[in-house]
C-alpha atoms as a PDB file:
ATOM      1  CA  MET A   1      -0.006  -0.030   0.030  1.00  0.00           C
ATOM      2  CA  THR A   2       1.411   3.389  -0.994  1.00  0.00           C
ATOM      3  CA  ILE A   3       1.315   6.292   1.432  1.00  0.00           C
ATOM      4  CA  GLY A   4      -1.346   8.207  -0.533  1.00  0.00           C
ATOM      5  CA  GLU A   5      -3.670   5.341  -1.291  1.00  0.00           C
ATOM      6  CA  GLY A   6      -7.242   6.207  -0.370  1.00  0.00           C
ATOM      7  CA  LYS A   7      -6.477   9.954   0.094  1.00  0.00           C
ATOM      8  CA  VAL A   8      -7.800  12.767  -2.080  1.00  0.00           C
ATOM      9  CA  VAL A   9      -5.868  15.992  -2.495  1.00  0.00           C
ATOM     10  CA  CYS A  10      -6.420  19.168  -4.502  1.00  0.00           C
ATOM     11  CA  VAL A  11      -3.692  20.984  -6.462  1.00  0.00           C
ATOM     12  CA  THR A  12      -4.764  24.460  -7.461  1.00  0.00           C
ATOM     13  CA  GLY A  13      -3.131  25.948 -10.643  1.00  0.00           C
ATOM     14  CA  GLY A  14      -2.334  22.384 -11.568  1.00  0.00           C
ATOM     15  CA  SER A  15      -0.884  23.067 -15.028  1.00  0.00           C
ATOM     16  CA  GLY A  16       1.977  25.338 -13.813  1.00  0.00           C
ATOM     17  CA  ASP A  17       5.645  24.321 -13.796  1.00  0.00           C
ATOM     18  CA  ILE A  18       5.935  23.510 -10.082  1.00  0.00           C
ATOM     19  CA  ALA A  19       2.362  22.206  -9.809  1.00  0.00           C
ATOM     20  CA  SER A  20       2.864  19.752 -12.666  1.00  0.00           C
ATOM     21  CA  TRP A  21       5.846  18.205 -10.891  1.00  0.00           C
ATOM     22  CA  LEU A  22       3.737  18.084  -7.723  1.00  0.00           C
ATOM     23  CA  VAL A  23       0.915  16.341  -9.502  1.00  0.00           C
ATOM     24  CA  LYS A  24       3.355  13.792 -10.922  1.00  0.00           C
ATOM     25  CA  PHE A  25       4.906  13.069  -7.473  1.00  0.00           C
ATOM     26  CA  LEU A  26       1.430  12.760  -5.791  1.00  0.00           C
ATOM     27  CA  LEU A  27       0.239  10.324  -8.436  1.00  0.00           C
ATOM     28  CA  ASN A  28       3.415   8.294  -7.968  1.00  0.00           C
ATOM     29  CA  ARG A  29       2.616   8.068  -4.246  1.00  0.00           C
ATOM     30  CA  GLY A  30      -0.934   6.758  -4.866  1.00  0.00           C
ATOM     31  CA  TYR A  31      -3.035   9.922  -4.153  1.00  0.00           C
ATOM     32  CA  VAL A  32      -6.188  10.767  -6.084  1.00  0.00           C
ATOM     33  CA  VAL A  33      -5.460  14.218  -7.362  1.00  0.00           C
ATOM     34  CA  LYS A  34      -8.104  16.932  -8.227  1.00  0.00           C
ATOM     35  CA  ALA A  35      -6.244  19.614 -10.161  1.00  0.00           C
ATOM     36  CA  THR A  36      -7.733  22.971 -11.027  1.00  0.00           C
ATOM     37  CA  VAL A  37      -6.850  24.721 -14.267  1.00  0.00           C
ATOM     38  CA  ARG A  38      -8.338  27.738 -16.046  1.00  0.00           C
ATOM     39  CA  ASP A  39      -9.385  25.768 -19.151  1.00  0.00           C
ATOM     40  CA  PRO A  40      -9.314  21.866 -19.010  1.00  0.00           C
ATOM     41  CA  ASP A  41      -9.970  21.818 -22.784  1.00  0.00           C
ATOM     42  CA  ASP A  42      -6.827  23.786 -23.726  1.00  0.00           C
ATOM     43  CA  PRO A  43      -4.306  21.047 -24.820  1.00  0.00           C
ATOM     44  CA  LYS A  44      -1.388  23.448 -24.887  1.00  0.00           C
ATOM     45  CA  LYS A  45      -1.749  23.907 -21.101  1.00  0.00           C
ATOM     46  CA  THR A  46      -2.982  20.502 -19.951  1.00  0.00           C
ATOM     47  CA  GLU A  47      -2.022  17.752 -22.376  1.00  0.00           C
ATOM     48  CA  HIS A  48       1.143  16.831 -20.255  1.00  0.00           C
ATOM     49  CA  LEU A  49      -1.012  16.051 -17.252  1.00  0.00           C
ATOM     50  CA  PRO A  50      -3.203  13.164 -18.539  1.00  0.00           C
ATOM     51  CA  ALA A  51       0.025  11.578 -19.864  1.00  0.00           C
ATOM     52  CA  LEU A  52       1.466  11.151 -16.362  1.00  0.00           C
ATOM     53  CA  ALA A  53       1.655   7.701 -14.856  1.00  0.00           C
ATOM     54  CA  GLY A  54      -1.514   6.985 -12.846  1.00  0.00           C
ATOM     55  CA  ALA A  55      -3.378   9.939 -14.383  1.00  0.00           C
ATOM     56  CA  LYS A  56      -5.967   7.838 -16.191  1.00  0.00           C
ATOM     57  CA  GLU A  57      -7.138   6.303 -12.892  1.00  0.00           C
ATOM     58  CA  ARG A  58      -6.547   8.986 -10.342  1.00  0.00           C
ATOM     59  CA  LEU A  59      -6.242  12.468 -11.892  1.00  0.00           C
ATOM     60  CA  HIS A  60      -9.263  14.701 -12.416  1.00  0.00           C
ATOM     61  CA  LEU A  61      -9.042  18.122 -13.997  1.00  0.00           C
ATOM     62  CA  PHE A  62     -11.481  20.873 -13.038  1.00  0.00           C
ATOM     63  CA  LYS A  63     -12.102  24.362 -14.397  1.00  0.00           C
ATOM     64  CA  ALA A  64     -11.634  27.077 -11.659  1.00  0.00           C
ATOM     65  CA  ASN A  65     -10.710  30.686 -11.722  1.00  0.00           C
ATOM     66  CA  LEU A  66      -9.551  32.924  -8.865  1.00  0.00           C
ATOM     67  CA  VAL A  67     -11.818  35.752 -10.018  1.00  0.00           C
ATOM     68  CA  GLU A  68     -14.962  33.569  -9.923  1.00  0.00           C
ATOM     69  CA  GLU A  69     -16.325  33.338  -6.441  1.00  0.00           C
ATOM     70  CA  GLY A  70     -16.984  29.749  -5.279  1.00  0.00           C
ATOM     71  CA  SER A  71     -15.472  28.115  -8.379  1.00  0.00           C
ATOM     72  CA  PHE A  72     -13.060  26.143  -6.119  1.00  0.00           C
ATOM     73  CA  ASP A  73     -15.739  24.898  -3.718  1.00  0.00           C
ATOM     74  CA  PRO A  74     -16.854  21.670  -5.446  1.00  0.00           C
ATOM     75  CA  VAL A  75     -13.247  20.728  -6.066  1.00  0.00           C
ATOM     76  CA  ILE A  76     -11.916  21.244  -2.576  1.00  0.00           C
ATOM     77  CA  ASP A  77     -14.940  19.666  -0.922  1.00  0.00           C
ATOM     78  CA  GLY A  78     -14.127  16.163   0.224  1.00  0.00           C
ATOM     79  CA  CYS A  79     -10.350  16.543   0.011  1.00  0.00           C
ATOM     80  CA  ASP A  80      -7.929  15.486   2.716  1.00  0.00           C
ATOM     81  CA  GLY A  81      -5.462  18.222   1.887  1.00  0.00           C
ATOM     82  CA  VAL A  82      -5.000  21.165  -0.458  1.00  0.00           C
ATOM     83  CA  PHE A  83      -1.850  22.302  -2.189  1.00  0.00           C
ATOM     84  CA  HIS A  84      -2.323  25.988  -3.000  1.00  0.00           C
ATOM     85  CA  MET A  85      -0.226  26.903  -5.971  1.00  0.00           C
ATOM     86  CA  ALA A  86      -2.989  29.464  -6.415  1.00  0.00           C
ATOM     87  CA  SER A  87      -4.608  30.762  -3.218  1.00  0.00           C
ATOM     88  CA  PRO A  88      -8.413  30.768  -2.591  1.00  0.00           C
ATOM     89  CA  SER A  89      -9.785  29.969   0.839  1.00  0.00           C
ATOM     90  CA  CYS A  90     -10.754  26.352   1.876  1.00  0.00           C
ATOM     91  CA  THR A  91     -11.650  26.719   5.610  1.00  0.00           C
ATOM     92  CA  LYS A  92     -15.286  26.029   4.952  1.00  0.00           C
ATOM     93  CA  PHE A  93     -14.762  22.292   4.268  1.00  0.00           C
ATOM     94  CA  PRO A  94     -14.412  20.057   7.352  1.00  0.00           C
ATOM     95  CA  SER A  95     -12.587  17.361   5.420  1.00  0.00           C
ATOM     96  CA  VAL A  96      -9.531  19.580   4.792  1.00  0.00           C
ATOM     97  CA  LYS A  97      -7.025  19.151   7.652  1.00  0.00           C
ATOM     98  CA  ARG A  98      -3.923  20.542   6.071  1.00  0.00           C
ATOM     99  CA  VAL A  99      -3.112  23.269   3.579  1.00  0.00           C
ATOM    100  CA  ILE A 100       0.271  23.628   1.871  1.00  0.00           C
ATOM    101  CA  LEU A 101       0.591  27.188   0.544  1.00  0.00           C
ATOM    102  CA  THR A 102       3.107  28.194  -2.109  1.00  0.00           C
ATOM    103  CA  SER A 103       4.425  31.620  -1.265  1.00  0.00           C
ATOM    104  CA  SER A 104       7.358  33.872  -2.044  1.00  0.00           C
ATOM    105  CA  MET A 105      10.453  34.955  -0.107  1.00  0.00           C
ATOM    106  CA  ALA A 106       9.001  38.455  -0.415  1.00  0.00           C
ATOM    107  CA  SER A 107       6.534  37.497   2.298  1.00  0.00           C
ATOM    108  CA  VAL A 108       9.433  36.790   4.617  1.00  0.00           C
ATOM    109  CA  LEU A 109      12.068  39.431   3.784  1.00  0.00           C
ATOM    110  CA  PHE A 110       9.837  42.534   3.878  1.00  0.00           C
ATOM    111  CA  ASN A 111       8.219  43.602   7.138  1.00  0.00           C
ATOM    112  CA  GLY A 112       7.598  47.370   6.542  1.00  0.00           C
ATOM    113  CA  LYS A 113      10.623  48.542   8.568  1.00  0.00           C
ATOM    114  CA  PRO A 114      13.428  50.554   7.044  1.00  0.00           C
ATOM    115  CA  LEU A 115      16.451  48.423   6.125  1.00  0.00           C
ATOM    116  CA  THR A 116      19.109  50.792   7.537  1.00  0.00           C
ATOM    117  CA  PRO A 117      22.839  49.964   7.602  1.00  0.00           C
ATOM    118  CA  ASP A 118      22.693  48.990  11.313  1.00  0.00           C
ATOM    119  CA  VAL A 119      20.063  46.261  10.780  1.00  0.00           C
ATOM    120  CA  ILE A 120      21.195  42.650  11.075  1.00  0.00           C
ATOM    121  CA  VAL A 121      18.985  40.553   8.766  1.00  0.00           C
ATOM    122  CA  ASP A 122      18.283  37.276  10.551  1.00  0.00           C
ATOM    123  CA  GLU A 123      15.155  35.418  11.673  1.00  0.00           C
ATOM    124  CA  THR A 124      14.250  38.202  14.067  1.00  0.00           C
ATOM    125  CA  TRP A 125      14.036  40.617  11.148  1.00  0.00           C
ATOM    126  CA  PHE A 126      11.782  38.498   9.104  1.00  0.00           C
ATOM    127  CA  SER A 127       7.983  39.139   9.001  1.00  0.00           C
ATOM    128  CA  GLU A 128       6.071  37.574  11.880  1.00  0.00           C
ATOM    129  CA  PRO A 129       4.778  34.017  11.184  1.00  0.00           C
ATOM    130  CA  ALA A 130       1.726  34.756  13.358  1.00  0.00           C
ATOM    131  CA  CYS A 131       0.208  36.918  10.609  1.00  0.00           C
ATOM    132  CA  TYR A 132      -0.028  33.784   8.345  1.00  0.00           C
ATOM    133  CA  GLU A 133      -1.655  31.502  10.895  1.00  0.00           C
ATOM    134  CA  SER A 134      -5.075  30.134  10.212  1.00  0.00           C
ATOM    135  CA  LYS A 135      -7.811  30.883  12.826  1.00  0.00           C
ATOM    136  CA  LYS A 136      -9.514  27.583  11.865  1.00  0.00           C
ATOM    137  CA  ARG A 137      -8.628  24.018  12.743  1.00  0.00           C
ATOM    138  CA  ILE A 138      -6.535  23.651   9.542  1.00  0.00           C
ATOM    139  CA  ARG A 139      -2.810  23.140   9.960  1.00  0.00           C
ATOM    140  CA  LEU A 140      -1.023  25.484   7.529  1.00  0.00           C
ATOM    141  CA  ALA A 141       2.475  24.974   6.131  1.00  0.00           C
ATOM    142  CA  THR A 142       3.943  27.563   3.832  1.00  0.00           C
ATOM    143  CA  THR A 143       6.818  27.028   1.427  1.00  0.00           C
ATOM    144  CA  CYS A 144       8.596  30.285   0.442  1.00  0.00           C
ATOM    145  CA  LEU A 145      10.704  30.500  -2.677  1.00  0.00           C
ATOM    146  CA  SER A 146      12.198  33.219  -4.876  1.00  0.00           C
ATOM    147  CA  MET A 147      10.031  34.240  -7.708  1.00  0.00           C
ATOM    148  CA  ARG A 148      11.875  37.185  -9.129  1.00  0.00           C
ATOM    149  CA  GLY A 149      11.747  37.922 -12.901  1.00  0.00           C
ATOM    150  CA  PHE A 150      15.079  38.326 -14.648  1.00  0.00           C
ATOM    151  CA  GLU A 151      13.958  40.665 -17.337  1.00  0.00           C
ATOM    152  CA  SER A 152      12.936  43.461 -14.894  1.00  0.00           C
ATOM    153  CA  ARG A 153      16.491  43.575 -13.530  1.00  0.00           C
ATOM    154  CA  PHE A 154      18.064  44.483 -16.883  1.00  0.00           C
ATOM    155  CA  ALA A 155      16.507  47.815 -17.525  1.00  0.00           C
ATOM    156  CA  GLY A 156      19.803  49.774 -17.583  1.00  0.00           C
ATOM    157  CA  ALA A 157      23.460  49.354 -18.507  1.00  0.00           C
ATOM    158  CA  THR A 158      24.459  48.299 -14.925  1.00  0.00           C
ATOM    159  CA  PHE A 159      23.514  45.312 -12.843  1.00  0.00           C
ATOM    160  CA  PRO A 160      22.583  45.376  -9.142  1.00  0.00           C
ATOM    161  CA  ASN A 161      24.968  44.268  -6.380  1.00  0.00           C
ATOM    162  CA  GLU A 162      22.652  41.519  -5.230  1.00  0.00           C
ATOM    163  CA  MET A 163      22.449  37.821  -4.433  1.00  0.00           C
ATOM    164  CA  TYR A 164      19.999  35.521  -6.202  1.00  0.00           C
ATOM    165  CA  ARG A 165      18.350  32.501  -4.685  1.00  0.00           C
ATOM    166  CA  PHE A 166      17.680  29.432  -6.851  1.00  0.00           C
ATOM    167  CA  VAL A 167      15.679  26.247  -6.228  1.00  0.00           C
ATOM    168  CA  ASP A 168      14.784  23.398  -8.557  1.00  0.00           C
ATOM    169  CA  ASP A 169      11.052  23.066  -9.387  1.00  0.00           C
ATOM    170  CA  ARG A 170      11.306  19.363  -8.512  1.00  0.00           C
ATOM    171  CA  ASP A 171      12.733  20.145  -5.054  1.00  0.00           C
ATOM    172  CA  VAL A 172       9.965  22.634  -4.453  1.00  0.00           C
ATOM    173  CA  ALA A 173       7.360  19.984  -5.369  1.00  0.00           C
ATOM    174  CA  CYS A 174       9.028  17.412  -3.058  1.00  0.00           C
ATOM    175  CA  ALA A 175       8.981  19.968  -0.231  1.00  0.00           C
ATOM    176  CA  HIS A 176       5.197  20.372  -0.701  1.00  0.00           C
ATOM    177  CA  VAL A 177       4.757  16.634  -0.384  1.00  0.00           C
ATOM    178  CA  GLN A 178       6.916  16.377   2.700  1.00  0.00           C
ATOM    179  CA  ALA A 179       5.033  19.327   4.330  1.00  0.00           C
ATOM    180  CA  PHE A 180       1.781  17.523   3.726  1.00  0.00           C
ATOM    181  CA  GLU A 181       2.873  14.053   4.811  1.00  0.00           C
ATOM    182  CA  THR A 182       4.849  15.057   7.945  1.00  0.00           C
ATOM    183  CA  PRO A 183       2.392  15.391  10.872  1.00  0.00           C
ATOM    184  CA  SER A 184       4.512  17.932  12.765  1.00  0.00           C
ATOM    185  CA  ALA A 185       5.039  20.238   9.754  1.00  0.00           C
ATOM    186  CA  SER A 186       3.577  23.757  10.199  1.00  0.00           C
ATOM    187  CA  GLY A 187       4.652  27.365   9.869  1.00  0.00           C
ATOM    188  CA  ARG A 188       6.943  28.436   7.000  1.00  0.00           C
ATOM    189  CA  TYR A 189       9.805  26.744   5.218  1.00  0.00           C
ATOM    190  CA  CYS A 190      12.271  28.793   3.211  1.00  0.00           C
ATOM    191  CA  LEU A 191      13.512  26.898   0.101  1.00  0.00           C
ATOM    192  CA  GLY A 192      16.956  27.672  -1.341  1.00  0.00           C
ATOM    193  CA  GLY A 193      19.078  25.304  -3.329  1.00  0.00           C
ATOM    194  CA  GLN A 194      21.764  27.549  -4.634  1.00  0.00           C
ATOM    195  CA  PHE A 195      22.878  31.160  -4.156  1.00  0.00           C
ATOM    196  CA  ALA A 196      24.754  33.280  -6.641  1.00  0.00           C
ATOM    197  CA  HIS A 197      26.042  36.840  -6.927  1.00  0.00           C
ATOM    198  CA  PHE A 198      24.641  38.778  -9.925  1.00  0.00           C
ATOM    199  CA  PRO A 199      27.795  38.466 -12.069  1.00  0.00           C
ATOM    200  CA  GLU A 200      27.623  34.677 -11.739  1.00  0.00           C
ATOM    201  CA  VAL A 201      24.003  34.808 -12.958  1.00  0.00           C
ATOM    202  CA  LEU A 202      25.103  36.795 -16.006  1.00  0.00           C
ATOM    203  CA  GLU A 203      27.493  34.000 -16.961  1.00  0.00           C
ATOM    204  CA  ILE A 204      24.613  31.480 -16.961  1.00  0.00           C
ATOM    205  CA  LEU A 205      21.870  33.484 -18.677  1.00  0.00           C
ATOM    206  CA  PRO A 206      23.072  33.507 -22.287  1.00  0.00           C
ATOM    207  CA  GLU A 207      22.585  29.757 -22.451  1.00  0.00           C
ATOM    208  CA  TYR A 208      18.871  30.119 -21.640  1.00  0.00           C
ATOM    209  CA  TYR A 209      18.146  33.653 -22.834  1.00  0.00           C
ATOM    210  CA  PRO A 210      20.415  34.158 -25.887  1.00  0.00           C
ATOM    211  CA  THR A 211      18.566  37.300 -27.135  1.00  0.00           C
ATOM    212  CA  LEU A 212      18.281  39.012 -23.709  1.00  0.00           C
ATOM    213  CA  PRO A 213      20.328  42.197 -23.452  1.00  0.00           C
ATOM    214  CA  LEU A 214      22.619  41.931 -20.497  1.00  0.00           C
ATOM    215  CA  PRO A 215      24.315  44.757 -18.566  1.00  0.00           C
ATOM    216  CA  GLU A 216      28.116  44.837 -18.638  1.00  0.00           C
ATOM    217  CA  ARG A 217      29.014  46.739 -15.434  1.00  0.00           C
END
């Protein structure tokens, strides 16, 4: 018997890069997966999902949109857990005992205080976890990763003196599964696989973005 056998979970935004890996890993572990997408009939966005091992028997695609009130209700109802790659509320359904929320490092690093030269940036500087706690009986675990766009950083001739955080999509998906299956998991988990200074990033980018204009100083 696999660990997910007999359990039903929902993955919102199921056709995204990270969500697709998550759906794959959940199916491999025996879960029944209810994945929401904007348009289940768009093969360009969804054709890779039915091709996954176990999808024919245990994957169900549903149309849901964040701007449509209540569109997620029939999908989440009856689920044991929810993986929020998108983020509508699910506290109204008694079956849901755990929510795994995909968030950004921006929710951790910025607390509204001025970052002056005398500030030491450590856990005490980060935003308070209490503001993310659910008032219901649901146990919430949040994975925070970097989601910064490269293009917006290349507006001028110079590059910023900054560090970048990288994490593999597959590792992020695995972290979601662990957060769901580990009973003691709660609060937030910051995901970082590799760190690089901006000049190091510039050495890598041409391989993936050959036409992107890059700053030289």
